[in-house]
Amino acid sequence: MTKTILFICSANKQRSKTAEDYFSSKYADFEFISAGTNSKICEQEGTNPLTIELLEQANIIFVMENSHKKEVKNFINGRFKKEIIVLDIKDIYKYYQTELIEILDEKLRVYLEQ
């Protein structure tokens, strides 16, 4: 069975979208999806807002910052339990920026190469 990995940031424009696109091209054994916690910005930008369906689909949830973890827990509101891992990646990177990809590679290698 394919594991589904969900990446979450604020707007699903830079960090989580980079993670989804980069790892999708690198690891065929997983399904990668991404979303943003700020539904207003996601709607304005045409990106994916966080939904219960995405959270239910995910086997592992990676969030970029602690604030995202809190937002996800509030959003779930005790409906189910999921592992949420904080990557601690600040919102200072552009989409597919080399430094962002290097950080993502380093932080996720242990989870993806098991």
PDB file of N, CA and C in Angstrom:
ATOM      1  N   MET A   1       0.835  -1.188   0.000  1.00  0.00           N
ATOM      2  CA  MET A   1       0.000   0.000   0.000  1.00  0.00           C
ATOM      3  C   MET A   1       0.880   1.252   0.000  1.00  0.00           C
ATOM      4  N   THR A   2       0.550   2.191  -0.836  1.00  0.00           N
ATOM      5  CA  THR A   2       1.306   3.434  -0.947  1.00  0.00           C
ATOM      6  C   THR A   2       1.023   4.334   0.247  1.00  0.00           C
ATOM      7  N   LYS A   3       2.085   4.862   0.852  1.00  0.00           N
ATOM      8  CA  LYS A   3       1.921   5.822   1.937  1.00  0.00           C
ATOM      9  C   LYS A   3       1.688   7.201   1.345  1.00  0.00           C
ATOM     10  N   THR A   4       0.795   7.944   1.981  1.00  0.00           N
ATOM     11  CA  THR A   4       0.509   9.311   1.556  1.00  0.00           C
ATOM     12  C   THR A   4       1.113  10.279   2.560  1.00  0.00           C
ATOM     13  N   ILE A   5       1.918  11.192   2.051  1.00  0.00           N
ATOM     14  CA  ILE A   5       2.591  12.202   2.862  1.00  0.00           C
ATOM     15  C   ILE A   5       1.951  13.552   2.561  1.00  0.00           C
ATOM     16  N   LEU A   6       1.511  14.255   3.610  1.00  0.00           N
ATOM     17  CA  LEU A   6       0.904  15.576   3.468  1.00  0.00           C
ATOM     18  C   LEU A   6       1.856  16.631   4.019  1.00  0.00           C
ATOM     19  N   PHE A   7       2.153  17.634   3.199  1.00  0.00           N
ATOM     20  CA  PHE A   7       2.961  18.781   3.615  1.00  0.00           C
ATOM     21  C   PHE A   7       2.040  19.978   3.802  1.00  0.00           C
ATOM     22  N   ILE A   8       2.240  20.696   4.907  1.00  0.00           N
ATOM     23  CA  ILE A   8       1.382  21.841   5.213  1.00  0.00           C
ATOM     24  C   ILE A   8       2.231  23.061   5.556  1.00  0.00           C
ATOM     25  N   CYS A   9       1.870  24.189   4.941  1.00  0.00           N
ATOM     26  CA  CYS A   9       2.418  25.487   5.338  1.00  0.00           C
ATOM     27  C   CYS A   9       1.245  26.467   5.385  1.00  0.00           C
ATOM     28  N   SER A  10       1.505  27.744   5.282  1.00  0.00           N
ATOM     29  CA  SER A  10       0.427  28.727   5.411  1.00  0.00           C
ATOM     30  C   SER A  10      -0.415  28.872   4.154  1.00  0.00           C
ATOM     31  N   ALA A  11       0.241  29.017   2.998  1.00  0.00           N
ATOM     32  CA  ALA A  11      -0.484  29.351   1.765  1.00  0.00           C
ATOM     33  C   ALA A  11      -0.386  28.288   0.678  1.00  0.00           C
ATOM     34  N   ASN A  12       0.370  27.220   0.912  1.00  0.00           N
ATOM     35  CA  ASN A  12       0.575  26.168  -0.091  1.00  0.00           C
ATOM     36  C   ASN A  12       1.137  26.735  -1.392  1.00  0.00           C
ATOM     37  N   LYS A  13       2.040  27.686  -1.226  1.00  0.00           N
ATOM     38  CA  LYS A  13       2.595  28.351  -2.413  1.00  0.00           C
ATOM     39  C   LYS A  13       4.099  28.135  -2.542  1.00  0.00           C
ATOM     40  N   GLN A  14       4.818  28.122  -1.434  1.00  0.00           N
ATOM     41  CA  GLN A  14       6.275  28.029  -1.473  1.00  0.00           C
ATOM     42  C   GLN A  14       6.768  26.706  -0.871  1.00  0.00           C
ATOM     43  N   ARG A  15       6.726  26.607   0.455  1.00  0.00           N
ATOM     44  CA  ARG A  15       7.353  25.480   1.148  1.00  0.00           C
ATOM     45  C   ARG A  15       6.650  24.150   0.910  1.00  0.00           C
ATOM     46  N   SER A  16       5.371  24.069   1.231  1.00  0.00           N
ATOM     47  CA  SER A  16       4.683  22.777   1.090  1.00  0.00           C
ATOM     48  C   SER A  16       4.534  22.373  -0.370  1.00  0.00           C
ATOM     49  N   LYS A  17       4.326  23.326  -1.252  1.00  0.00           N
ATOM     50  CA  LYS A  17       4.196  23.012  -2.679  1.00  0.00           C
ATOM     51  C   LYS A  17       5.535  22.538  -3.242  1.00  0.00           C
ATOM     52  N   THR A  18       6.629  23.168  -2.823  1.00  0.00           N
ATOM     53  CA  THR A  18       7.960  22.704  -3.227  1.00  0.00           C
ATOM     54  C   THR A  18       8.169  21.270  -2.770  1.00  0.00           C
ATOM     55  N   ALA A  19       7.839  20.990  -1.511  1.00  0.00           N
ATOM     56  CA  ALA A  19       8.022  19.637  -0.968  1.00  0.00           C
ATOM     57  C   ALA A  19       7.210  18.623  -1.767  1.00  0.00           C
ATOM     58  N   GLU A  20       5.951  18.933  -2.037  1.00  0.00           N
ATOM     59  CA  GLU A  20       5.104  18.013  -2.809  1.00  0.00           C
ATOM     60  C   GLU A  20       5.700  17.752  -4.194  1.00  0.00           C
ATOM     61  N   ASP A  21       6.030  18.803  -4.907  1.00  0.00           N
ATOM     62  CA  ASP A  21       6.518  18.654  -6.283  1.00  0.00           C
ATOM     63  C   ASP A  21       7.890  17.986  -6.340  1.00  0.00           C
ATOM     64  N   TYR A  22       8.779  18.379  -5.443  1.00  0.00           N
ATOM     65  CA  TYR A  22      10.134  17.816  -5.440  1.00  0.00           C
ATOM     66  C   TYR A  22      10.114  16.323  -5.101  1.00  0.00           C
ATOM     67  N   PHE A  23       9.454  15.962  -4.010  1.00  0.00           N
ATOM     68  CA  PHE A  23       9.469  14.560  -3.594  1.00  0.00           C
ATOM     69  C   PHE A  23       8.641  13.676  -4.524  1.00  0.00           C
ATOM     70  N   SER A  24       7.610  14.228  -5.149  1.00  0.00           N
ATOM     71  CA  SER A  24       6.838  13.453  -6.137  1.00  0.00           C
ATOM     72  C   SER A  24       7.711  13.022  -7.301  1.00  0.00           C
ATOM     73  N   SER A  25       8.667  13.863  -7.665  1.00  0.00           N
ATOM     74  CA  SER A  25       9.558  13.531  -8.780  1.00  0.00           C
ATOM     75  C   SER A  25      10.677  12.579  -8.360  1.00  0.00           C
ATOM     76  N   LYS A  26      10.872  12.425  -7.061  1.00  0.00           N
ATOM     77  CA  LYS A  26      12.010  11.654  -6.558  1.00  0.00           C
ATOM     78  C   LYS A  26      11.630  10.280  -5.990  1.00  0.00           C
ATOM     79  N   TYR A  27      10.454  10.159  -5.412  1.00  0.00           N
ATOM     80  CA  TYR A  27      10.039   8.924  -4.735  1.00  0.00           C
ATOM     81  C   TYR A  27       8.702   8.437  -5.288  1.00  0.00           C
ATOM     82  N   ALA A  28       8.746   7.429  -6.136  1.00  0.00           N
ATOM     83  CA  ALA A  28       7.522   6.891  -6.746  1.00  0.00           C
ATOM     84  C   ALA A  28       6.730   6.007  -5.779  1.00  0.00           C
ATOM     85  N   ASP A  29       7.360   5.575  -4.684  1.00  0.00           N
ATOM     86  CA  ASP A  29       6.703   4.673  -3.735  1.00  0.00           C
ATOM     87  C   ASP A  29       5.727   5.384  -2.802  1.00  0.00           C
ATOM     88  N   PHE A  30       5.680   6.701  -2.855  1.00  0.00           N
ATOM     89  CA  PHE A  30       4.823   7.493  -1.982  1.00  0.00           C
ATOM     90  C   PHE A  30       3.903   8.370  -2.821  1.00  0.00           C
ATOM     91  N   GLU A  31       2.803   8.767  -2.210  1.00  0.00           N
ATOM     92  CA  GLU A  31       1.972   9.821  -2.795  1.00  0.00           C
ATOM     93  C   GLU A  31       2.192  11.063  -1.943  1.00  0.00           C
ATOM     94  N   PHE A  32       2.498  12.176  -2.576  1.00  0.00           N
ATOM     95  CA  PHE A  32       2.745  13.428  -1.869  1.00  0.00           C
ATOM     96  C   PHE A  32       1.646  14.421  -2.216  1.00  0.00           C
ATOM     97  N   ILE A  33       1.101  15.052  -1.171  1.00  0.00           N
ATOM     98  CA  ILE A  33       0.077  16.073  -1.341  1.00  0.00           C
ATOM     99  C   ILE A  33       0.445  17.257  -0.455  1.00  0.00           C
ATOM    100  N   SER A  34      -0.165  18.408  -0.698  1.00  0.00           N
ATOM    101  CA  SER A  34       0.161  19.576   0.118  1.00  0.00           C
ATOM    102  C   SER A  34      -1.043  20.490   0.249  1.00  0.00           C
ATOM    103  N   ALA A  35      -0.989  21.339   1.280  1.00  0.00           N
ATOM    104  CA  ALA A  35      -2.098  22.256   1.551  1.00  0.00           C
ATOM    105  C   ALA A  35      -1.607  23.423   2.397  1.00  0.00           C
ATOM    106  N   GLY A  36      -2.439  24.450   2.454  1.00  0.00           N
ATOM    107  CA  GLY A  36      -2.154  25.614   3.281  1.00  0.00           C
ATOM    108  C   GLY A  36      -3.211  25.786   4.356  1.00  0.00           C
ATOM    109  N   THR A  37      -2.795  26.322   5.491  1.00  0.00           N
ATOM    110  CA  THR A  37      -3.720  26.510   6.613  1.00  0.00           C
ATOM    111  C   THR A  37      -4.576  27.763   6.465  1.00  0.00           C
ATOM    112  N   ASN A  38      -4.133  28.725   5.659  1.00  0.00           N
ATOM    113  CA  ASN A  38      -4.870  29.976   5.489  1.00  0.00           C
ATOM    114  C   ASN A  38      -5.775  29.866   4.263  1.00  0.00           C
ATOM    115  N   SER A  39      -7.023  29.503   4.496  1.00  0.00           N
ATOM    116  CA  SER A  39      -7.935  29.241   3.377  1.00  0.00           C
ATOM    117  C   SER A  39      -8.195  30.482   2.530  1.00  0.00           C
ATOM    118  N   LYS A  40      -8.193  31.667   3.142  1.00  0.00           N
ATOM    119  CA  LYS A  40      -8.413  32.900   2.366  1.00  0.00           C
ATOM    120  C   LYS A  40      -7.292  33.123   1.363  1.00  0.00           C
ATOM    121  N   ILE A  41      -6.052  32.977   1.815  1.00  0.00           N
ATOM    122  CA  ILE A  41      -4.910  33.156   0.908  1.00  0.00           C
ATOM    123  C   ILE A  41      -4.911  32.061  -0.149  1.00  0.00           C
ATOM    124  N   CYS A  42      -5.195  30.837   0.251  1.00  0.00           N
ATOM    125  CA  CYS A  42      -5.244  29.731  -0.719  1.00  0.00           C
ATOM    126  C   CYS A  42      -6.278  30.017  -1.807  1.00  0.00           C
ATOM    127  N   GLU A  43      -7.423  30.534  -1.412  1.00  0.00           N
ATOM    128  CA  GLU A  43      -8.466  30.863  -2.390  1.00  0.00           C
ATOM    129  C   GLU A  43      -7.982  31.970  -3.329  1.00  0.00           C
ATOM    130  N   GLN A  44      -7.354  33.001  -2.775  1.00  0.00           N
ATOM    131  CA  GLN A  44      -6.842  34.115  -3.592  1.00  0.00           C
ATOM    132  C   GLN A  44      -5.755  33.654  -4.555  1.00  0.00           C
ATOM    133  N   GLU A  45      -4.892  32.755  -4.091  1.00  0.00           N
ATOM    134  CA  GLU A  45      -3.737  32.312  -4.874  1.00  0.00           C
ATOM    135  C   GLU A  45      -4.041  31.104  -5.763  1.00  0.00           C
ATOM    136  N   GLY A  46      -5.197  30.484  -5.571  1.00  0.00           N
ATOM    137  CA  GLY A  46      -5.540  29.292  -6.341  1.00  0.00           C
ATOM    138  C   GLY A  46      -4.770  28.058  -5.908  1.00  0.00           C
ATOM    139  N   THR A  47      -4.409  28.008  -4.619  1.00  0.00           N
ATOM    140  CA  THR A  47      -3.673  26.863  -4.081  1.00  0.00           C
ATOM    141  C   THR A  47      -4.614  26.012  -3.225  1.00  0.00           C
ATOM    142  N   ASN A  48      -4.110  24.897  -2.718  1.00  0.00           N
ATOM    143  CA  ASN A  48      -4.940  23.941  -1.971  1.00  0.00           C
ATOM    144  C   ASN A  48      -5.096  24.341  -0.506  1.00  0.00           C
ATOM    145  N   PRO A  49      -6.324  24.577  -0.053  1.00  0.00           N
ATOM    146  CA  PRO A  49      -6.536  24.800   1.376  1.00  0.00           C
ATOM    147  C   PRO A  49      -6.583  23.460   2.110  1.00  0.00           C
ATOM    148  N   LEU A  50      -6.252  23.486   3.370  1.00  0.00           N
ATOM    149  CA  LEU A  50      -6.312  22.290   4.205  1.00  0.00           C
ATOM    150  C   LEU A  50      -7.764  21.840   4.356  1.00  0.00           C
ATOM    151  N   THR A  51      -7.983  20.535   4.200  1.00  0.00           N
ATOM    152  CA  THR A  51      -9.324  19.965   4.380  1.00  0.00           C
ATOM    153  C   THR A  51      -9.227  18.717   5.259  1.00  0.00           C
ATOM    154  N   ILE A  52     -10.343  18.352   5.836  1.00  0.00           N
ATOM    155  CA  ILE A  52     -10.409  17.117   6.623  1.00  0.00           C
ATOM    156  C   ILE A  52     -10.075  15.926   5.737  1.00  0.00           C
ATOM    157  N   GLU A  53     -10.538  15.938   4.494  1.00  0.00           N
ATOM    158  CA  GLU A  53     -10.279  14.832   3.570  1.00  0.00           C
ATOM    159  C   GLU A  53      -8.779  14.625   3.355  1.00  0.00           C
ATOM    160  N   LEU A  54      -8.040  15.715   3.173  1.00  0.00           N
ATOM    161  CA  LEU A  54      -6.583  15.596   2.998  1.00  0.00           C
ATOM    162  C   LEU A  54      -5.934  15.022   4.252  1.00  0.00           C
ATOM    163  N   LEU A  55      -6.369  15.491   5.409  1.00  0.00           N
ATOM    164  CA  LEU A  55      -5.817  14.987   6.669  1.00  0.00           C
ATOM    165  C   LEU A  55      -6.136  13.508   6.864  1.00  0.00           C
ATOM    166  N   GLU A  56      -7.339  13.098   6.509  1.00  0.00           N
ATOM    167  CA  GLU A  56      -7.716  11.687   6.633  1.00  0.00           C
ATOM    168  C   GLU A  56      -6.914  10.814   5.677  1.00  0.00           C
ATOM    169  N   GLN A  57      -6.608  11.341   4.505  1.00  0.00           N
ATOM    170  CA  GLN A  57      -5.869  10.600   3.476  1.00  0.00           C
ATOM    171  C   GLN A  57      -4.409  10.370   3.875  1.00  0.00           C
ATOM    172  N   ALA A  58      -3.853  11.264   4.663  1.00  0.00           N
ATOM    173  CA  ALA A  58      -2.423  11.240   4.971  1.00  0.00           C
ATOM    174  C   ALA A  58      -2.059  10.179   6.003  1.00  0.00           C
ATOM    175  N   ASN A  59      -0.945   9.490   5.731  1.00  0.00           N
ATOM    176  CA  ASN A  59      -0.355   8.593   6.724  1.00  0.00           C
ATOM    177  C   ASN A  59       0.575   9.363   7.651  1.00  0.00           C
ATOM    178  N   ILE A  60       1.294  10.320   7.086  1.00  0.00           N
ATOM    179  CA  ILE A  60       2.200  11.173   7.861  1.00  0.00           C
ATOM    180  C   ILE A  60       1.950  12.614   7.440  1.00  0.00           C
ATOM    181  N   ILE A  61       1.935  13.513   8.426  1.00  0.00           N
ATOM    182  CA  ILE A  61       1.727  14.934   8.163  1.00  0.00           C
ATOM    183  C   ILE A  61       2.980  15.689   8.585  1.00  0.00           C
ATOM    184  N   PHE A  62       3.544  16.434   7.645  1.00  0.00           N
ATOM    185  CA  PHE A  62       4.678  17.306   7.929  1.00  0.00           C
ATOM    186  C   PHE A  62       4.205  18.748   7.849  1.00  0.00           C
ATOM    187  N   VAL A  63       4.448  19.502   8.912  1.00  0.00           N
ATOM    188  CA  VAL A  63       4.134  20.929   8.913  1.00  0.00           C
ATOM    189  C   VAL A  63       5.440  21.705   8.964  1.00  0.00           C
ATOM    190  N   MET A  64       5.415  22.903   8.443  1.00  0.00           N
ATOM    191  CA  MET A  64       6.645  23.684   8.354  1.00  0.00           C
ATOM    192  C   MET A  64       7.019  24.358   9.666  1.00  0.00           C
ATOM    193  N   GLU A  65       6.015  24.760  10.458  1.00  0.00           N
ATOM    194  CA  GLU A  65       6.285  25.478  11.702  1.00  0.00           C
ATOM    195  C   GLU A  65       5.355  24.979  12.810  1.00  0.00           C
ATOM    196  N   ASN A  66       5.735  25.269  14.052  1.00  0.00           N
ATOM    197  CA  ASN A  66       4.909  24.887  15.204  1.00  0.00           C
ATOM    198  C   ASN A  66       3.505  25.458  15.116  1.00  0.00           C
ATOM    199  N   SER A  67       3.388  26.686  14.601  1.00  0.00           N
ATOM    200  CA  SER A  67       2.065  27.311  14.488  1.00  0.00           C
ATOM    201  C   SER A  67       1.149  26.491  13.581  1.00  0.00           C
ATOM    202  N   HIS A  68       1.716  25.864  12.556  1.00  0.00           N
ATOM    203  CA  HIS A  68       0.906  25.019  11.666  1.00  0.00           C
ATOM    204  C   HIS A  68       0.406  23.779  12.406  1.00  0.00           C
ATOM    205  N   LYS A  69       1.250  23.229  13.272  1.00  0.00           N
ATOM    206  CA  LYS A  69       0.836  22.048  14.049  1.00  0.00           C
ATOM    207  C   LYS A  69      -0.361  22.400  14.933  1.00  0.00           C
ATOM    208  N   LYS A  70      -0.294  23.563  15.575  1.00  0.00           N
ATOM    209  CA  LYS A  70      -1.412  24.001  16.420  1.00  0.00           C
ATOM    210  C   LYS A  70      -2.679  24.184  15.593  1.00  0.00           C
ATOM    211  N   GLU A  71      -2.529  24.790  14.416  1.00  0.00           N
ATOM    212  CA  GLU A  71      -3.692  25.002  13.546  1.00  0.00           C
ATOM    213  C   GLU A  71      -4.296  23.673  13.089  1.00  0.00           C
ATOM    214  N   VAL A  72      -3.443  22.716  12.757  1.00  0.00           N
ATOM    215  CA  VAL A  72      -3.933  21.401  12.324  1.00  0.00           C
ATOM    216  C   VAL A  72      -4.675  20.712  13.468  1.00  0.00           C
ATOM    217  N   LYS A  73      -4.105  20.755  14.668  1.00  0.00           N
ATOM    218  CA  LYS A  73      -4.764  20.123  15.819  1.00  0.00           C
ATOM    219  C   LYS A  73      -6.121  20.771  16.090  1.00  0.00           C
ATOM    220  N   ASN A  74      -6.187  22.095  15.987  1.00  0.00           N
ATOM    221  CA  ASN A  74      -7.469  22.788  16.167  1.00  0.00           C
ATOM    222  C   ASN A  74      -8.456  22.402  15.070  1.00  0.00           C
ATOM    223  N   PHE A  75      -7.955  22.275  13.859  1.00  0.00           N
ATOM    224  CA  PHE A  75      -8.783  21.923  12.705  1.00  0.00           C
ATOM    225  C   PHE A  75      -9.351  20.511  12.861  1.00  0.00           C
ATOM    226  N   ILE A  76      -8.505  19.584  13.299  1.00  0.00           N
ATOM    227  CA  ILE A  76      -8.943  18.194  13.512  1.00  0.00           C
ATOM    228  C   ILE A  76      -9.941  18.120  14.662  1.00  0.00           C
ATOM    229  N   ASN A  77      -9.685  18.904  15.701  1.00  0.00           N
ATOM    230  CA  ASN A  77     -10.589  19.010  16.848  1.00  0.00           C
ATOM    231  C   ASN A  77     -10.945  17.652  17.454  1.00  0.00           C
ATOM    232  N   GLY A  78      -9.922  16.782  17.577  1.00  0.00           N
ATOM    233  CA  GLY A  78     -10.118  15.495  18.232  1.00  0.00           C
ATOM    234  C   GLY A  78     -10.837  14.438  17.417  1.00  0.00           C
ATOM    235  N   ARG A  79     -11.141  14.695  16.146  1.00  0.00           N
ATOM    236  CA  ARG A  79     -11.873  13.720  15.316  1.00  0.00           C
ATOM    237  C   ARG A  79     -11.072  12.451  15.073  1.00  0.00           C
ATOM    238  N   PHE A  80      -9.752  12.595  14.977  1.00  0.00           N
ATOM    239  CA  PHE A  80      -8.879  11.441  14.785  1.00  0.00           C
ATOM    240  C   PHE A  80      -7.470  11.843  15.185  1.00  0.00           C
ATOM    241  N   LYS A  81      -6.599  10.844  15.322  1.00  0.00           N
ATOM    242  CA  LYS A  81      -5.207  11.108  15.703  1.00  0.00           C
ATOM    243  C   LYS A  81      -4.300  10.813  14.520  1.00  0.00           C
ATOM    244  N   LYS A  82      -3.387  11.728  14.277  1.00  0.00           N
ATOM    245  CA  LYS A  82      -2.393  11.567  13.217  1.00  0.00           C
ATOM    246  C   LYS A  82      -1.049  12.041  13.752  1.00  0.00           C
ATOM    247  N   GLU A  83      -0.002  11.424  13.239  1.00  0.00           N
ATOM    248  CA  GLU A  83       1.340  11.887  13.571  1.00  0.00           C
ATOM    249  C   GLU A  83       1.599  13.181  12.808  1.00  0.00           C
ATOM    250  N   ILE A  84       1.980  14.229  13.539  1.00  0.00           N
ATOM    251  CA  ILE A  84       2.284  15.524  12.931  1.00  0.00           C
ATOM    252  C   ILE A  84       3.721  15.868  13.283  1.00  0.00           C
ATOM    253  N   ILE A  85       4.549  16.015  12.258  1.00  0.00           N
ATOM    254  CA  ILE A  85       5.973  16.284  12.458  1.00  0.00           C
ATOM    255  C   ILE A  85       6.284  17.712  12.025  1.00  0.00           C
ATOM    256  N   VAL A  86       6.901  18.469  12.925  1.00  0.00           N
ATOM    257  CA  VAL A  86       7.273  19.857  12.638  1.00  0.00           C
ATOM    258  C   VAL A  86       8.670  19.873  12.024  1.00  0.00           C
ATOM    259  N   LEU A  87       8.783  20.440  10.824  1.00  0.00           N
ATOM    260  CA  LEU A  87      10.072  20.512  10.130  1.00  0.00           C
ATOM    261  C   LEU A  87      10.878  21.749  10.518  1.00  0.00           C
ATOM    262  N   ASP A  88      10.243  22.725  11.123  1.00  0.00           N
ATOM    263  CA  ASP A  88      10.908  23.955  11.560  1.00  0.00           C
ATOM    264  C   ASP A  88      11.604  24.660  10.387  1.00  0.00           C
ATOM    265  N   ILE A  89      10.827  24.931   9.343  1.00  0.00           N
ATOM    266  CA  ILE A  89      11.330  25.650   8.169  1.00  0.00           C
ATOM    267  C   ILE A  89      10.558  26.961   8.076  1.00  0.00           C
ATOM    268  N   LYS A  90      11.261  28.051   8.273  1.00  0.00           N
ATOM    269  CA  LYS A  90      10.648  29.380   8.275  1.00  0.00           C
ATOM    270  C   LYS A  90      10.189  29.786   6.878  1.00  0.00           C
ATOM    271  N   ASP A  91       9.295  30.749   6.836  1.00  0.00           N
ATOM    272  CA  ASP A  91       8.717  31.234   5.578  1.00  0.00           C
ATOM    273  C   ASP A  91       9.623  32.298   4.949  1.00  0.00           C
ATOM    274  N   ILE A  92      10.814  31.863   4.548  1.00  0.00           N
ATOM    275  CA  ILE A  92      11.778  32.790   3.941  1.00  0.00           C
ATOM    276  C   ILE A  92      12.239  32.311   2.570  1.00  0.00           C
ATOM    277  N   TYR A  93      11.655  31.227   2.083  1.00  0.00           N
ATOM    278  CA  TYR A  93      12.114  30.621   0.834  1.00  0.00           C
ATOM    279  C   TYR A  93      11.079  30.788  -0.269  1.00  0.00           C
ATOM    280  N   LYS A  94      11.567  30.809  -1.488  1.00  0.00           N
ATOM    281  CA  LYS A  94      10.717  30.851  -2.678  1.00  0.00           C
ATOM    282  C   LYS A  94      10.478  29.423  -3.164  1.00  0.00           C
ATOM    283  N   TYR A  95       9.487  29.277  -4.038  1.00  0.00           N
ATOM    284  CA  TYR A  95       9.170  27.976  -4.607  1.00  0.00           C
ATOM    285  C   TYR A  95      10.397  27.380  -5.292  1.00  0.00           C
ATOM    286  N   TYR A  96      10.699  26.146  -4.925  1.00  0.00           N
ATOM    287  CA  TYR A  96      11.784  25.331  -5.500  1.00  0.00           C
ATOM    288  C   TYR A  96      13.176  25.954  -5.316  1.00  0.00           C
ATOM    289  N   GLN A  97      13.329  26.824  -4.343  1.00  0.00           N
ATOM    290  CA  GLN A  97      14.635  27.423  -4.056  1.00  0.00           C
ATOM    291  C   GLN A  97      15.606  26.327  -3.621  1.00  0.00           C
ATOM    292  N   THR A  98      16.824  26.390  -4.137  1.00  0.00           N
ATOM    293  CA  THR A  98      17.831  25.353  -3.881  1.00  0.00           C
ATOM    294  C   THR A  98      18.020  25.094  -2.391  1.00  0.00           C
ATOM    295  N   GLU A  99      18.132  26.149  -1.594  1.00  0.00           N
ATOM    296  CA  GLU A  99      18.344  25.987  -0.154  1.00  0.00           C
ATOM    297  C   GLU A  99      17.162  25.274   0.500  1.00  0.00           C
ATOM    298  N   LEU A 100      15.963  25.573   0.050  1.00  0.00           N
ATOM    299  CA  LEU A 100      14.772  24.918   0.594  1.00  0.00           C
ATOM    300  C   LEU A 100      14.787  23.428   0.278  1.00  0.00           C
ATOM    301  N   ILE A 101      15.134  23.083  -0.941  1.00  0.00           N
ATOM    302  CA  ILE A 101      15.195  21.672  -1.333  1.00  0.00           C
ATOM    303  C   ILE A 101      16.261  20.934  -0.530  1.00  0.00           C
ATOM    304  N   GLU A 102      17.408  21.561  -0.312  1.00  0.00           N
ATOM    305  CA  GLU A 102      18.470  20.933   0.485  1.00  0.00           C
ATOM    306  C   GLU A 102      17.994  20.664   1.910  1.00  0.00           C
ATOM    307  N   ILE A 103      17.291  21.615   2.503  1.00  0.00           N
ATOM    308  CA  ILE A 103      16.774  21.446   3.865  1.00  0.00           C
ATOM    309  C   ILE A 103      15.726  20.335   3.903  1.00  0.00           C
ATOM    310  N   LEU A 104      14.809  20.352   2.952  1.00  0.00           N
ATOM    311  CA  LEU A 104      13.774  19.311   2.892  1.00  0.00           C
ATOM    312  C   LEU A 104      14.400  17.930   2.735  1.00  0.00           C
ATOM    313  N   ASP A 105      15.369  17.819   1.822  1.00  0.00           N
ATOM    314  CA  ASP A 105      16.066  16.542   1.602  1.00  0.00           C
ATOM    315  C   ASP A 105      16.680  16.022   2.896  1.00  0.00           C
ATOM    316  N   GLU A 106      17.375  16.891   3.584  1.00  0.00           N
ATOM    317  CA  GLU A 106      18.063  16.504   4.822  1.00  0.00           C
ATOM    318  C   GLU A 106      17.066  16.076   5.899  1.00  0.00           C
ATOM    319  N   LYS A 107      15.997  16.838   6.072  1.00  0.00           N
ATOM    320  CA  LYS A 107      15.047  16.569   7.150  1.00  0.00           C
ATOM    321  C   LYS A 107      14.154  15.361   6.877  1.00  0.00           C
ATOM    322  N   LEU A 108      13.868  15.072   5.613  1.00  0.00           N
ATOM    323  CA  LEU A 108      12.931  13.993   5.301  1.00  0.00           C
ATOM    324  C   LEU A 108      13.579  12.679   4.923  1.00  0.00           C
ATOM    325  N   ARG A 109      14.855  12.683   4.680  1.00  0.00           N
ATOM    326  CA  ARG A 109      15.551  11.455   4.250  1.00  0.00           C
ATOM    327  C   ARG A 109      15.256  10.287   5.183  1.00  0.00           C
ATOM    328  N   VAL A 110      15.308  10.512   6.468  1.00  0.00           N
ATOM    329  CA  VAL A 110      15.099   9.443   7.449  1.00  0.00           C
ATOM    330  C   VAL A 110      13.687   8.845   7.347  1.00  0.00           C
ATOM    331  N   TYR A 111      12.712   9.635   6.968  1.00  0.00           N
ATOM    332  CA  TYR A 111      11.334   9.151   6.862  1.00  0.00           C
ATOM    333  C   TYR A 111      11.059   8.453   5.538  1.00  0.00           C
ATOM    334  N   LEU A 112      11.736   8.876   4.487  1.00  0.00           N
ATOM    335  CA  LEU A 112      11.422   8.383   3.147  1.00  0.00           C
ATOM    336  C   LEU A 112      12.290   7.219   2.704  1.00  0.00           C
ATOM    337  N   GLU A 113      13.412   7.003   3.368  1.00  0.00           N
ATOM    338  CA  GLU A 113      14.324   5.939   2.943  1.00  0.00           C
ATOM    339  C   GLU A 113      14.358   4.796   3.941  1.00  0.00           C
ATOM    340  N   GLN A 114      13.216   4.477   4.514  1.00  0.00           N
ATOM    341  CA  GLN A 114      13.119   3.374   5.483  1.00  0.00           C
ATOM    342  C   GLN A 114      12.910   2.066   4.764  1.00  0.00           C
TER     343      GLN A 114
END
